[in-house]
Amino acid sequence: MSRSINHSTNGTEGQTPAADHTDGSTSPTVTGAADFQAGHVLTFTFAHAVHDTYSAFMAPLLPALITKLSLSMTQAGVLDFARTIPAILQPLIGHLGDRVNLRYLIILAPAITGTMMSLLGVAPNYAVLLTLALAAGLGAAFLHAVAPAMAGRFSGAKLGWGMGVWMVGGSLGFTIGPVIVVAALDQIGLEGTPWLMIAGWIASVILILRLRDTSTVSPTAQRRGSLREGLHAFRPLMAPLVVLSVVRALLTAAQMTFLPTLLIQEGESLWFAGISLTVLTGAGWIGALSGGAISDRLGRRMVLFLSMSLAACLMLVFLAVDGWMRLPILLLAGTTGPAARTVFMALVQESCPDNRALATGTYLAVTFITASAASVVVGVLGDLLGLRQAFIISAIILLLGSPLVRLLPETAADEAQRAG
């Protein structure tokens, strides 16, 4: 347990020289490992925000889709599973992104996911829903396999902070998305949702202009570090990450997929259900920024334990109250998930500095797949026991599993915190 992750480099890590890459493009220079290039990090954060705005459509759309097509909770869970199963491709995409310039995958992701998620409202049957969800998942896999590694490289020595900024994009997207789709359902109905794809295409045009001279290729990875070596460096993290992802998955799936459905089943309005999801995700930027920065000082494992255990306790309190009293609790709970994800992102990139995209893609593949499989489990539990009981079970599993963060290898920050 005392093994430390080696996150020191030879001084060139984080530097992207303006050299010619595999596709003939040039890459902007990262002037030093300590430099934080805000312009580039914010570009990837913008892509993340727009993309995840569309990803956030799923949960608010589910009650309407369930009614329209007479879906069971299990079918609703399988639909979210279909949206995230393409994440299994992320390690391969990430490995290629370390060596071949895949910037167009980042550029096209908002347009692809935006189009597919916007078409869910007009899907005539369940088979078409599944097909659209799978295609949306490909857009998500393209973005999340490559873009966070790029944001990490342009963050220099401030990796925790950079991953926090990246996570802010996702938090903003999941905050704005439910409001947009609920307003669309109220004003133009399910049949009008295809109009929402326009913003995704506009975002992709902006990204073409911003990323035209940027390469995803790591200069160190281009010269050394095979797939086998990258996976070997990631191996000490794999088992703990799988275990912790499984522990976190049920509550994450319950919140992000079934929260609006639970509230509507308990008598709340569609607007209250949508606002609740927005409140849950709206505070995410606080958790994303603070989680990464605090973990740089207090250690990754400490921040992970606090965020996981607090998330479980807050959900149990949420289920014990009703009405508008739930919103402040959701606001607090919304900081915990992004805090944990930010720390995980920083940790995996520290472990594989020459294979950042491979490490990031592998981690996100594990988390996305476990979360999507958990959506099916929560759906089954919802059909058998009711959604309220499914939420309670999910929170208890997370609370009991929080101490398992000690399975993670220690970083320098963890050792300093323990010694002090």
Foldseek 3Di string as FASTA:
>chain_A
DAFAFFQDDPWCQLFQAQDQADVRFGADTQPTLQAADVLLLVLLLQLLQLLLLLVLQLQLCVVVVCVVAVDFLLLSLVLLLLLALVLVCLLVLLQVQQAFFLLLLSLCLLLQLLQLSLCCLVDPHSVSSSVSSNSNSSSVSSSQLQSLLNQQSSRRPLNLQSLLSSLVSNLNSNLNNLVVNLVCCVPPNSVPSSVRSPVSNVSSVVSCVVCVRHGSHGPLLNVDDDSVNQVVLCVLVVVLLLLLLLLQQQLVLLLSRPQLVQVVVVPDDSVVSSNLSSLLSVLQSVLSNCLSVVCVAQNLLVLQLVLLQLLLVLLVVLLVDDDPVNSVSSNVSSSSVNSNVSSCLSVQCSSRSSSSSSSSSVSSSSNSNSNSVSSSVCSVCCVVPNNSVSNNVSSVSSNVCSVSSVSHHTHPNNVVNVVD
